Amino acid sequence: MSPLTASGKSKRMQVRPASALLTALLPLLFLASAADGAPALNRTQALQALVQAEPPSRRQAAGRLGEVGVMADTAALLQALRDTDAETRAQAEDALWQIWGRSGDVRVDRLYRGGVAQMKRGDLRRGISTFSRIIALKPAFAEGWNKRATAYYLMGEYAKSLADCDEVIKRNPYHFGALSGYGMIYVQLGRPDRALEYFERALDINPNLDGVRNTADALRRLILERRRNTL
């Protein structure tokens, strides 16, 4: 309800006992309305707010960068992955995935959404075909390679998945998802030492990957146990 609407109703109703309450509430109504109707942050404002003192500002900024951010904003969001506020960290991670998922080409982005939907339905072969088309159209788009790597992994095509992960890291060396993917592949290949190396690299970039951290801890214990058994 806007302040104008609230004020108009109070005059028409002519209910004296309520007038004092409405008068007291008007400033609050105005503030709420102003907040709801405030223009969204632009990209520059979001980047500035991402380093402000108040956590709500940083959360809003990270979320907004997910909507309007570009690859050049990756460094600021990677720094936000170490924010003292857990929600800001979560928003920053989500924003990175959103930015990485935008190619800047309408046709490619449409194909990308279709490929993701195919993977979610479990139609991995069609997903691979779709992401292969994306790669042919825009090879610089790292996320096309990453999604195909994921589909190959799910099909047990580990060599092909590793090759696509290589292509992701060439284009986006901070892609903690692809680094985690390497680790998962090397676990399947019975190479815990290599898997641990990549999991640690992923955690160096994004320390909020709890599942990766737990797996890395388990691998360290496994490697230590194997070493003891060889003595």
C-alpha atoms as a PDB file:
ATOM      1  CA  MET A   1       0.000   0.000   0.000  1.00  0.00           C
ATOM      2  CA  SER A   2       1.420   3.403  -0.936  1.00  0.00           C
ATOM      3  CA  PRO A   3       1.376   6.346   1.513  1.00  0.00           C
ATOM      4  CA  LEU A   4      -1.058   8.189  -0.733  1.00  0.00           C
ATOM      5  CA  THR A   5      -3.593   5.340  -0.652  1.00  0.00           C
ATOM      6  CA  ALA A   6      -3.352   4.989   3.104  1.00  0.00           C
ATOM      7  CA  SER A   7      -3.808   8.721   3.612  1.00  0.00           C
ATOM      8  CA  GLY A   8      -6.842   8.881   1.310  1.00  0.00           C
ATOM      9  CA  LYS A   9      -8.615   6.061   3.112  1.00  0.00           C
ATOM     10  CA  SER A  10      -8.137   7.654   6.476  1.00  0.00           C
ATOM     11  CA  LYS A  11      -9.874  10.847   5.277  1.00  0.00           C
ATOM     12  CA  ARG A  12     -12.840   9.056   3.712  1.00  0.00           C
ATOM     13  CA  MET A  13     -13.450   6.750   6.663  1.00  0.00           C
ATOM     14  CA  GLN A  14     -13.478   9.588   9.196  1.00  0.00           C
ATOM     15  CA  VAL A  15     -12.733   7.188  12.040  1.00  0.00           C
ATOM     16  CA  ARG A  16     -11.124   9.392  14.635  1.00  0.00           C
ATOM     17  CA  PRO A  17      -9.682   6.689  16.922  1.00  0.00           C
ATOM     18  CA  ALA A  18      -7.745   5.221  14.011  1.00  0.00           C
ATOM     19  CA  SER A  19      -6.377   8.520  12.741  1.00  0.00           C
ATOM     20  CA  ALA A  20      -3.635   8.726  15.354  1.00  0.00           C
ATOM     21  CA  LEU A  21      -2.521   5.186  14.570  1.00  0.00           C
ATOM     22  CA  LEU A  22      -2.455   5.907  10.831  1.00  0.00           C
ATOM     23  CA  THR A  23      -0.453   9.055  11.442  1.00  0.00           C
ATOM     24  CA  ALA A  24       2.086   7.049  13.399  1.00  0.00           C
ATOM     25  CA  LEU A  25       2.256   4.361  10.736  1.00  0.00           C
ATOM     26  CA  LEU A  26       2.597   6.671   7.738  1.00  0.00           C
ATOM     27  CA  PRO A  27       6.380   7.061   8.022  1.00  0.00           C
ATOM     28  CA  LEU A  28       6.746   3.277   8.204  1.00  0.00           C
ATOM     29  CA  LEU A  29       4.439   2.792   5.231  1.00  0.00           C
ATOM     30  CA  PHE A  30       6.411   5.340   3.257  1.00  0.00           C
ATOM     31  CA  LEU A  31       9.709   3.650   4.058  1.00  0.00           C
ATOM     32  CA  ALA A  32       8.366   0.239   3.065  1.00  0.00           C
ATOM     33  CA  SER A  33       6.989   1.603  -0.164  1.00  0.00           C
ATOM     34  CA  ALA A  34      10.227   3.361  -1.005  1.00  0.00           C
ATOM     35  CA  ALA A  35      12.216   0.178  -0.411  1.00  0.00           C
ATOM     36  CA  ASP A  36       9.862  -1.926  -2.525  1.00  0.00           C
ATOM     37  CA  GLY A  37       9.872   0.583  -5.354  1.00  0.00           C
ATOM     38  CA  ALA A  38      13.589   1.348  -5.289  1.00  0.00           C
ATOM     39  CA  PRO A  39      15.323   0.815  -8.626  1.00  0.00           C
ATOM     40  CA  ALA A  40      17.489  -2.273  -8.867  1.00  0.00           C
ATOM     41  CA  LEU A  41      21.221  -1.803  -8.538  1.00  0.00           C
ATOM     42  CA  ASN A  42      23.102  -1.483 -11.768  1.00  0.00           C
ATOM     43  CA  ARG A  43      26.269  -3.496 -12.286  1.00  0.00           C
ATOM     44  CA  THR A  44      28.622  -0.756 -11.046  1.00  0.00           C
ATOM     45  CA  GLN A  45      26.525  -0.146  -7.936  1.00  0.00           C
ATOM     46  CA  ALA A  46      26.388  -3.874  -7.201  1.00  0.00           C
ATOM     47  CA  LEU A  47      30.171  -4.166  -7.410  1.00  0.00           C
ATOM     48  CA  GLN A  48      30.531  -1.250  -4.998  1.00  0.00           C
ATOM     49  CA  ALA A  49      27.941  -2.657  -2.589  1.00  0.00           C
ATOM     50  CA  LEU A  50      29.657  -6.041  -2.593  1.00  0.00           C
ATOM     51  CA  VAL A  51      32.397  -4.631  -0.340  1.00  0.00           C
ATOM     52  CA  GLN A  52      30.179  -2.531   1.954  1.00  0.00           C
ATOM     53  CA  ALA A  53      30.088  -3.104   5.686  1.00  0.00           C
ATOM     54  CA  GLU A  54      26.506  -4.303   6.117  1.00  0.00           C
ATOM     55  CA  PRO A  55      25.795  -7.957   5.201  1.00  0.00           C
ATOM     56  CA  PRO A  56      22.332  -7.211   3.703  1.00  0.00           C
ATOM     57  CA  SER A  57      23.971  -4.863   1.186  1.00  0.00           C
ATOM     58  CA  ARG A  58      26.547  -7.472   0.241  1.00  0.00           C
ATOM     59  CA  ARG A  59      23.899 -10.171  -0.129  1.00  0.00           C
ATOM     60  CA  GLN A  60      21.795  -7.972  -2.383  1.00  0.00           C
ATOM     61  CA  ALA A  61      24.840  -6.997  -4.421  1.00  0.00           C
ATOM     62  CA  ALA A  62      25.941 -10.597  -4.985  1.00  0.00           C
ATOM     63  CA  GLY A  63      22.437 -11.617  -6.009  1.00  0.00           C
ATOM     64  CA  ARG A  64      22.173  -8.697  -8.401  1.00  0.00           C
ATOM     65  CA  LEU A  65      25.487  -9.559 -10.043  1.00  0.00           C
ATOM     66  CA  GLY A  66      24.020 -12.960 -10.781  1.00  0.00           C
ATOM     67  CA  GLU A  67      21.431 -11.123 -12.890  1.00  0.00           C
ATOM     68  CA  VAL A  68      23.561  -8.467 -14.590  1.00  0.00           C
ATOM     69  CA  GLY A  69      27.191  -9.456 -13.982  1.00  0.00           C
ATOM     70  CA  VAL A  70      29.728 -10.341 -16.663  1.00  0.00           C
ATOM     71  CA  MET A  71      32.887 -12.454 -16.721  1.00  0.00           C
ATOM     72  CA  ALA A  72      34.943  -9.423 -15.693  1.00  0.00           C
ATOM     73  CA  ASP A  73      33.127  -9.510 -12.334  1.00  0.00           C
ATOM     74  CA  THR A  74      34.425 -12.988 -11.531  1.00  0.00           C
ATOM     75  CA  ALA A  75      37.328 -11.682  -9.428  1.00  0.00           C
ATOM     76  CA  ALA A  76      35.034  -9.678  -7.133  1.00  0.00           C
ATOM     77  CA  LEU A  77      32.673 -12.622  -6.674  1.00  0.00           C
ATOM     78  CA  LEU A  78      35.531 -15.035  -6.021  1.00  0.00           C
ATOM     79  CA  GLN A  79      36.619 -12.717  -3.216  1.00  0.00           C
ATOM     80  CA  ALA A  80      33.047 -12.734  -1.896  1.00  0.00           C
ATOM     81  CA  LEU A  81      33.285 -16.525  -1.560  1.00  0.00           C
ATOM     82  CA  ARG A  82      35.358 -15.719   1.539  1.00  0.00           C
ATOM     83  CA  ASP A  83      32.912 -13.216   3.001  1.00  0.00           C
ATOM     84  CA  THR A  84      32.246 -13.461   6.738  1.00  0.00           C
ATOM     85  CA  ASP A  85      28.517 -13.725   5.995  1.00  0.00           C
ATOM     86  CA  ALA A  86      27.358 -17.198   4.943  1.00  0.00           C
ATOM     87  CA  GLU A  87      24.432 -15.952   2.854  1.00  0.00           C
ATOM     88  CA  THR A  88      26.683 -13.569   0.945  1.00  0.00           C
ATOM     89  CA  ARG A  89      29.017 -16.470   0.186  1.00  0.00           C
ATOM     90  CA  ALA A  90      26.099 -18.558  -1.071  1.00  0.00           C
ATOM     91  CA  GLN A  91      24.798 -15.705  -3.210  1.00  0.00           C
ATOM     92  CA  ALA A  92      28.266 -15.149  -4.673  1.00  0.00           C
ATOM     93  CA  GLU A  93      28.601 -18.809  -5.638  1.00  0.00           C
ATOM     94  CA  ASP A  94      25.186 -18.796  -7.275  1.00  0.00           C
ATOM     95  CA  ALA A  95      26.055 -15.562  -9.105  1.00  0.00           C
ATOM     96  CA  LEU A  96      29.202 -17.120 -10.524  1.00  0.00           C
ATOM     97  CA  TRP A  97      27.230 -20.053 -11.912  1.00  0.00           C
ATOM     98  CA  GLN A  98      24.709 -17.660 -13.463  1.00  0.00           C
ATOM     99  CA  ILE A  99      27.429 -15.553 -15.098  1.00  0.00           C
ATOM    100  CA  TRP A 100      29.280 -18.621 -16.351  1.00  0.00           C
ATOM    101  CA  GLY A 101      26.023 -19.875 -17.863  1.00  0.00           C
ATOM    102  CA  ARG A 102      25.588 -16.808 -20.093  1.00  0.00           C
ATOM    103  CA  SER A 103      27.379 -16.919 -23.427  1.00  0.00           C
ATOM    104  CA  GLY A 104      26.324 -13.497 -24.678  1.00  0.00           C
ATOM    105  CA  ASP A 105      24.728 -15.089 -27.740  1.00  0.00           C
ATOM    106  CA  VAL A 106      20.934 -15.493 -27.774  1.00  0.00           C
ATOM    107  CA  ARG A 107      20.986 -18.622 -29.916  1.00  0.00           C
ATOM    108  CA  VAL A 108      23.703 -20.287 -27.856  1.00  0.00           C
ATOM    109  CA  ASP A 109      21.955 -19.419 -24.586  1.00  0.00           C
ATOM    110  CA  ARG A 110      18.723 -20.957 -25.889  1.00  0.00           C
ATOM    111  CA  LEU A 111      20.564 -24.141 -26.847  1.00  0.00           C
ATOM    112  CA  TYR A 112      22.290 -24.152 -23.465  1.00  0.00           C
ATOM    113  CA  ARG A 113      18.997 -24.042 -21.584  1.00  0.00           C
ATOM    114  CA  GLY A 114      17.710 -26.873 -23.750  1.00  0.00           C
ATOM    115  CA  GLY A 115      20.808 -28.965 -23.082  1.00  0.00           C
ATOM    116  CA  VAL A 116      20.495 -28.448 -19.341  1.00  0.00           C
ATOM    117  CA  ALA A 117      16.842 -29.525 -19.507  1.00  0.00           C
ATOM    118  CA  GLN A 118      17.828 -32.656 -21.444  1.00  0.00           C
ATOM    119  CA  MET A 119      20.393 -33.556 -18.802  1.00  0.00           C
ATOM    120  CA  LYS A 120      17.866 -33.049 -16.014  1.00  0.00           C
ATOM    121  CA  ARG A 121      15.529 -35.470 -17.790  1.00  0.00           C
ATOM    122  CA  GLY A 122      18.362 -37.990 -17.994  1.00  0.00           C
ATOM    123  CA  ASP A 123      18.580 -37.713 -21.791  1.00  0.00           C
ATOM    124  CA  LEU A 124      22.362 -37.572 -21.723  1.00  0.00           C
ATOM    125  CA  ARG A 125      23.018 -38.461 -25.364  1.00  0.00           C
ATOM    126  CA  ARG A 126      20.828 -35.634 -26.601  1.00  0.00           C
ATOM    127  CA  GLY A 127      22.431 -33.345 -24.045  1.00  0.00           C
ATOM    128  CA  ILE A 128      25.870 -34.228 -25.391  1.00  0.00           C
ATOM    129  CA  SER A 129      24.657 -33.539 -28.928  1.00  0.00           C
ATOM    130  CA  THR A 130      23.287 -30.161 -27.862  1.00  0.00           C
ATOM    131  CA  PHE A 131      26.442 -29.131 -26.027  1.00  0.00           C
ATOM    132  CA  SER A 132      28.530 -30.279 -28.993  1.00  0.00           C
ATOM    133  CA  ARG A 133      26.533 -27.871 -31.176  1.00  0.00           C
ATOM    134  CA  ILE A 134      27.172 -25.103 -28.648  1.00  0.00           C
ATOM    135  CA  ILE A 135      30.898 -25.847 -28.666  1.00  0.00           C
ATOM    136  CA  ALA A 136      30.943 -25.711 -32.469  1.00  0.00           C
ATOM    137  CA  LEU A 137      29.088 -22.400 -32.483  1.00  0.00           C
ATOM    138  CA  LYS A 138      30.985 -20.754 -29.633  1.00  0.00           C
ATOM    139  CA  PRO A 139      34.089 -22.683 -28.528  1.00  0.00           C
ATOM    140  CA  ALA A 140      35.122 -19.852 -26.182  1.00  0.00           C
ATOM    141  CA  PHE A 141      32.030 -20.510 -24.021  1.00  0.00           C
ATOM    142  CA  ALA A 142      33.557 -22.568 -21.204  1.00  0.00           C
ATOM    143  CA  GLU A 143      30.249 -23.722 -19.760  1.00  0.00           C
ATOM    144  CA  GLY A 144      29.361 -25.570 -22.956  1.00  0.00           C
ATOM    145  CA  TRP A 145      32.459 -27.719 -22.434  1.00  0.00           C
ATOM    146  CA  ASN A 146      31.707 -28.083 -18.720  1.00  0.00           C
ATOM    147  CA  LYS A 147      28.186 -29.355 -19.226  1.00  0.00           C
ATOM    148  CA  ARG A 148      29.341 -31.828 -21.872  1.00  0.00           C
ATOM    149  CA  ALA A 149      32.060 -32.989 -19.464  1.00  0.00           C
ATOM    150  CA  THR A 150      29.353 -33.589 -16.871  1.00  0.00           C
ATOM    151  CA  ALA A 151      27.235 -35.598 -19.295  1.00  0.00           C
ATOM    152  CA  TYR A 152      30.224 -37.694 -20.337  1.00  0.00           C
ATOM    153  CA  TYR A 153      31.033 -38.352 -16.677  1.00  0.00           C
ATOM    154  CA  LEU A 154      27.479 -39.508 -15.984  1.00  0.00           C
ATOM    155  CA  MET A 155      27.758 -41.907 -18.923  1.00  0.00           C
ATOM    156  CA  GLY A 156      31.048 -43.300 -17.628  1.00  0.00           C
ATOM    157  CA  GLU A 157      33.025 -41.788 -20.523  1.00  0.00           C
ATOM    158  CA  TYR A 158      35.823 -40.641 -18.237  1.00  0.00           C
ATOM    159  CA  ALA A 159      38.518 -39.973 -20.847  1.00  0.00           C
ATOM    160  CA  LYS A 160      36.170 -37.720 -22.819  1.00  0.00           C
ATOM    161  CA  SER A 161      35.072 -35.990 -19.635  1.00  0.00           C
ATOM    162  CA  LEU A 162      38.687 -35.300 -18.658  1.00  0.00           C
ATOM    163  CA  ALA A 163      39.391 -33.859 -22.098  1.00  0.00           C
ATOM    164  CA  ASP A 164      36.428 -31.487 -21.804  1.00  0.00           C
ATOM    165  CA  CYS A 165      37.500 -30.457 -18.310  1.00  0.00           C
ATOM    166  CA  ASP A 166      40.857 -29.491 -19.826  1.00  0.00           C
ATOM    167  CA  GLU A 167      39.020 -27.202 -22.242  1.00  0.00           C
ATOM    168  CA  VAL A 168      37.020 -25.613 -19.412  1.00  0.00           C
ATOM    169  CA  ILE A 169      40.122 -24.761 -17.382  1.00  0.00           C
ATOM    170  CA  LYS A 170      41.865 -23.309 -20.442  1.00  0.00           C
ATOM    171  CA  ARG A 171      39.011 -20.819 -20.726  1.00  0.00           C
ATOM    172  CA  ASN A 172      38.103 -20.375 -17.057  1.00  0.00           C
ATOM    173  CA  PRO A 173      40.942 -21.354 -14.692  1.00  0.00           C
ATOM    174  CA  TYR A 174      38.794 -20.496 -11.650  1.00  0.00           C
ATOM    175  CA  HIS A 175      36.040 -22.978 -12.499  1.00  0.00           C
ATOM    176  CA  PHE A 176      35.811 -24.847  -9.194  1.00  0.00           C
ATOM    177  CA  GLY A 177      33.082 -27.046 -10.673  1.00  0.00           C
ATOM    178  CA  ALA A 178      35.383 -28.409 -13.353  1.00  0.00           C
ATOM    179  CA  LEU A 179      38.197 -28.859 -10.826  1.00  0.00           C
ATOM    180  CA  SER A 180      35.829 -30.852  -8.629  1.00  0.00           C
ATOM    181  CA  GLY A 181      34.864 -32.814 -11.739  1.00  0.00           C
ATOM    182  CA  TYR A 182      38.477 -33.833 -12.275  1.00  0.00           C
ATOM    183  CA  GLY A 183      38.503 -35.114  -8.718  1.00  0.00           C
ATOM    184  CA  MET A 184      35.345 -37.154  -9.192  1.00  0.00           C
ATOM    185  CA  ILE A 185      36.720 -38.711 -12.364  1.00  0.00           C
ATOM    186  CA  TYR A 186      40.008 -39.674 -10.720  1.00  0.00           C
ATOM    187  CA  VAL A 187      38.102 -41.245  -7.829  1.00  0.00           C
ATOM    188  CA  GLN A 188      36.308 -43.440 -10.366  1.00  0.00           C
ATOM    189  CA  LEU A 189      39.642 -44.266 -12.016  1.00  0.00           C
ATOM    190  CA  GLY A 190      41.125 -45.393  -8.693  1.00  0.00           C
ATOM    191  CA  ARG A 191      43.563 -42.479  -8.436  1.00  0.00           C
ATOM    192  CA  PRO A 192      42.914 -40.958  -4.992  1.00  0.00           C
ATOM    193  CA  ASP A 193      46.177 -39.009  -5.077  1.00  0.00           C
ATOM    194  CA  ARG A 194      45.207 -37.188  -8.275  1.00  0.00           C
ATOM    195  CA  ALA A 195      41.632 -36.771  -7.078  1.00  0.00           C
ATOM    196  CA  LEU A 196      42.810 -35.134  -3.858  1.00  0.00           C
ATOM    197  CA  GLU A 197      45.028 -32.745  -5.792  1.00  0.00           C
ATOM    198  CA  TYR A 198      42.078 -31.441  -7.809  1.00  0.00           C
ATOM    199  CA  PHE A 199      39.688 -31.325  -4.856  1.00  0.00           C
ATOM    200  CA  GLU A 200      42.213 -29.190  -2.985  1.00  0.00           C
ATOM    201  CA  ARG A 201      42.523 -26.860  -5.968  1.00  0.00           C
ATOM    202  CA  ALA A 202      38.744 -26.480  -6.055  1.00  0.00           C
ATOM    203  CA  LEU A 203      38.665 -25.691  -2.323  1.00  0.00           C
ATOM    204  CA  ASP A 204      41.439 -23.126  -2.701  1.00  0.00           C
ATOM    205  CA  ILE A 205      39.108 -21.205  -5.005  1.00  0.00           C
ATOM    206  CA  ASN A 206      35.822 -21.923  -3.247  1.00  0.00           C
ATOM    207  CA  PRO A 207      36.191 -22.989   0.394  1.00  0.00           C
ATOM    208  CA  ASN A 208      32.410 -23.444   0.755  1.00  0.00           C
ATOM    209  CA  LEU A 209      32.193 -26.785  -1.059  1.00  0.00           C
ATOM    210  CA  ASP A 210      31.328 -28.935   1.941  1.00  0.00           C
ATOM    211  CA  GLY A 211      30.843 -32.140  -0.051  1.00  0.00           C
ATOM    212  CA  VAL A 212      34.207 -31.703  -1.739  1.00  0.00           C
ATOM    213  CA  ARG A 213      35.852 -30.997   1.618  1.00  0.00           C
ATOM    214  CA  ASN A 214      34.363 -34.150   3.151  1.00  0.00           C
ATOM    215  CA  THR A 215      35.510 -36.246   0.201  1.00  0.00           C
ATOM    216  CA  ALA A 216      38.995 -34.726   0.363  1.00  0.00           C
ATOM    217  CA  ASP A 217      39.225 -35.558   4.063  1.00  0.00           C
ATOM    218  CA  ALA A 218      38.207 -39.150   3.344  1.00  0.00           C
ATOM    219  CA  LEU A 219      40.807 -39.407   0.585  1.00  0.00           C
ATOM    220  CA  ARG A 220      43.546 -38.138   2.895  1.00  0.00           C
ATOM    221  CA  ARG A 221      42.669 -40.853   5.386  1.00  0.00           C
ATOM    222  CA  LEU A 222      42.649 -43.472   2.616  1.00  0.00           C
ATOM    223  CA  ILE A 223      46.031 -42.372   1.258  1.00  0.00           C
ATOM    224  CA  LEU A 224      47.541 -42.316   4.747  1.00  0.00           C
ATOM    225  CA  GLU A 225      46.207 -45.804   5.465  1.00  0.00           C
ATOM    226  CA  ARG A 226      47.656 -47.141   2.220  1.00  0.00           C
ATOM    227  CA  ARG A 227      51.030 -45.668   3.026  1.00  0.00           C
ATOM    228  CA  ARG A 228      51.009 -47.267   6.449  1.00  0.00           C
ATOM    229  CA  ASN A 229      50.188 -50.629   4.937  1.00  0.00           C
ATOM    230  CA  THR A 230      53.157 -50.438   2.600  1.00  0.00           C
ATOM    231  CA  LEU A 231      55.676 -49.863   5.411  1.00  0.00           C
END
